[in-house]
């Protein structure tokens, strides 16, 4: 079970921070959470994704945690 964090930049310089967790070789599941909050997945969610062979991707919403406004 592994977790990675990434930041990508838009053409105007804004940052989008996102997380990969679970089975990083598995099919992708995008986790969409409500506002407010960051996209850091919970340990139990990561464990569940890993046990099912899924790669979980979630993101920090604009203006929260490491994502720009």
C-alpha atoms as a PDB file:
ATOM      1  CA  UNK A   1       0.000   0.000   0.000  1.00  0.00           C
ATOM      2  CA  UNK A   2       1.457   3.309  -1.066  1.00  0.00           C
ATOM      3  CA  UNK A   3       0.472   6.969  -1.135  1.00  0.00           C
ATOM      4  CA  UNK A   4       1.921   9.731  -3.311  1.00  0.00           C
ATOM      5  CA  UNK A   5       1.283  13.462  -3.564  1.00  0.00           C
ATOM      6  CA  UNK A   6       1.630  15.595  -6.688  1.00  0.00           C
ATOM      7  CA  UNK A   7       1.159  19.215  -7.710  1.00  0.00           C
ATOM      8  CA  UNK A   8       0.546  20.298 -11.289  1.00  0.00           C
ATOM      9  CA  UNK A   9       0.459  23.883 -12.557  1.00  0.00           C
ATOM     10  CA  UNK A  10      -2.164  25.392 -14.849  1.00  0.00           C
ATOM     11  CA  UNK A  11      -1.090  27.735 -17.642  1.00  0.00           C
ATOM     12  CA  UNK A  12      -1.803  30.736 -15.414  1.00  0.00           C
ATOM     13  CA  UNK A  13       0.393  29.362 -12.605  1.00  0.00           C
ATOM     14  CA  UNK A  14      -2.329  28.102 -10.270  1.00  0.00           C
ATOM     15  CA  UNK A  15      -1.546  24.862  -8.460  1.00  0.00           C
ATOM     16  CA  UNK A  16      -3.693  21.725  -8.281  1.00  0.00           C
ATOM     17  CA  UNK A  17      -2.571  19.321  -5.589  1.00  0.00           C
ATOM     18  CA  UNK A  18      -3.705  15.697  -5.723  1.00  0.00           C
ATOM     19  CA  UNK A  19      -3.111  12.344  -4.079  1.00  0.00           C
ATOM     20  CA  UNK A  20      -2.712   8.775  -5.349  1.00  0.00           C
ATOM     21  CA  UNK A  21      -3.245   5.902  -2.932  1.00  0.00           C
ATOM     22  CA  UNK A  22      -4.151   2.223  -2.713  1.00  0.00           C
ATOM     23  CA  UNK A  23      -2.911  -0.145  -5.426  1.00  0.00           C
ATOM     24  CA  UNK A  24      -1.035   2.231  -7.742  1.00  0.00           C
ATOM     25  CA  UNK A  25      -1.157  -0.338 -10.553  1.00  0.00           C
ATOM     26  CA  UNK A  26      -4.932  -0.852 -10.321  1.00  0.00           C
ATOM     27  CA  UNK A  27      -7.860   0.726 -12.163  1.00  0.00           C
ATOM     28  CA  UNK A  28      -8.457   4.376 -11.225  1.00  0.00           C
ATOM     29  CA  UNK A  29     -11.270   5.566  -8.974  1.00  0.00           C
ATOM     30  CA  UNK A  30     -11.675   9.357  -8.569  1.00  0.00           C
ATOM     31  CA  UNK A  31     -12.801  10.409  -5.109  1.00  0.00           C
ATOM     32  CA  UNK A  32     -14.841  13.625  -5.090  1.00  0.00           C
ATOM     33  CA  UNK A  33     -15.423  15.193  -1.696  1.00  0.00           C
ATOM     34  CA  UNK A  34     -17.513  18.127  -0.596  1.00  0.00           C
ATOM     35  CA  UNK A  35     -16.464  21.621   0.387  1.00  0.00           C
ATOM     36  CA  UNK A  36     -14.692  22.650   2.535  1.00  0.00           C
ATOM     37  CA  UNK A  37     -11.725  20.389   2.771  1.00  0.00           C
ATOM     38  CA  UNK A  38      -8.647  18.900   1.288  1.00  0.00           C
ATOM     39  CA  UNK A  39      -8.503  15.665  -0.649  1.00  0.00           C
ATOM     40  CA  UNK A  40      -6.215  13.740   1.690  1.00  0.00           C
ATOM     41  CA  UNK A  41      -7.776  10.261   1.759  1.00  0.00           C
ATOM     42  CA  UNK A  42      -8.471   8.575   5.077  1.00  0.00           C
ATOM     43  CA  UNK A  43      -6.365   5.582   6.072  1.00  0.00           C
ATOM     44  CA  UNK A  44      -9.406   3.288   6.059  1.00  0.00           C
ATOM     45  CA  UNK A  45     -10.353   4.431   2.541  1.00  0.00           C
ATOM     46  CA  UNK A  46      -6.800   3.759   1.312  1.00  0.00           C
ATOM     47  CA  UNK A  47      -6.791   0.305   2.894  1.00  0.00           C
ATOM     48  CA  UNK A  48     -10.170  -0.510   1.322  1.00  0.00           C
ATOM     49  CA  UNK A  49      -9.011   0.619  -2.133  1.00  0.00           C
ATOM     50  CA  UNK A  50      -5.804  -1.405  -1.799  1.00  0.00           C
ATOM     51  CA  UNK A  51      -7.654  -4.557  -0.726  1.00  0.00           C
ATOM     52  CA  UNK A  52      -9.818  -4.269  -3.861  1.00  0.00           C
ATOM     53  CA  UNK A  53      -6.868  -3.577  -6.177  1.00  0.00           C
ATOM     54  CA  UNK A  54      -7.968   0.020  -6.871  1.00  0.00           C
ATOM     55  CA  UNK A  55      -5.907   3.168  -7.414  1.00  0.00           C
ATOM     56  CA  UNK A  56      -7.571   6.058  -5.601  1.00  0.00           C
ATOM     57  CA  UNK A  57      -7.084   9.646  -6.814  1.00  0.00           C
ATOM     58  CA  UNK A  58      -8.387  12.657  -4.896  1.00  0.00           C
ATOM     59  CA  UNK A  59      -7.577  16.373  -4.975  1.00  0.00           C
ATOM     60  CA  UNK A  60      -7.484  19.471  -2.806  1.00  0.00           C
ATOM     61  CA  UNK A  61     -10.289  21.802  -3.837  1.00  0.00           C
ATOM     62  CA  UNK A  62      -9.289  25.305  -5.024  1.00  0.00           C
ATOM     63  CA  UNK A  63      -8.095  27.429  -2.125  1.00  0.00           C
ATOM     64  CA  UNK A  64      -7.724  24.508   0.301  1.00  0.00           C
ATOM     65  CA  UNK A  65      -4.522  22.823   1.515  1.00  0.00           C
ATOM     66  CA  UNK A  66      -1.924  22.914  -1.302  1.00  0.00           C
ATOM     67  CA  UNK A  67      -4.213  23.918  -4.227  1.00  0.00           C
ATOM     68  CA  UNK A  68      -4.313  27.554  -5.287  1.00  0.00           C
ATOM     69  CA  UNK A  69      -7.503  29.588  -5.518  1.00  0.00           C
END
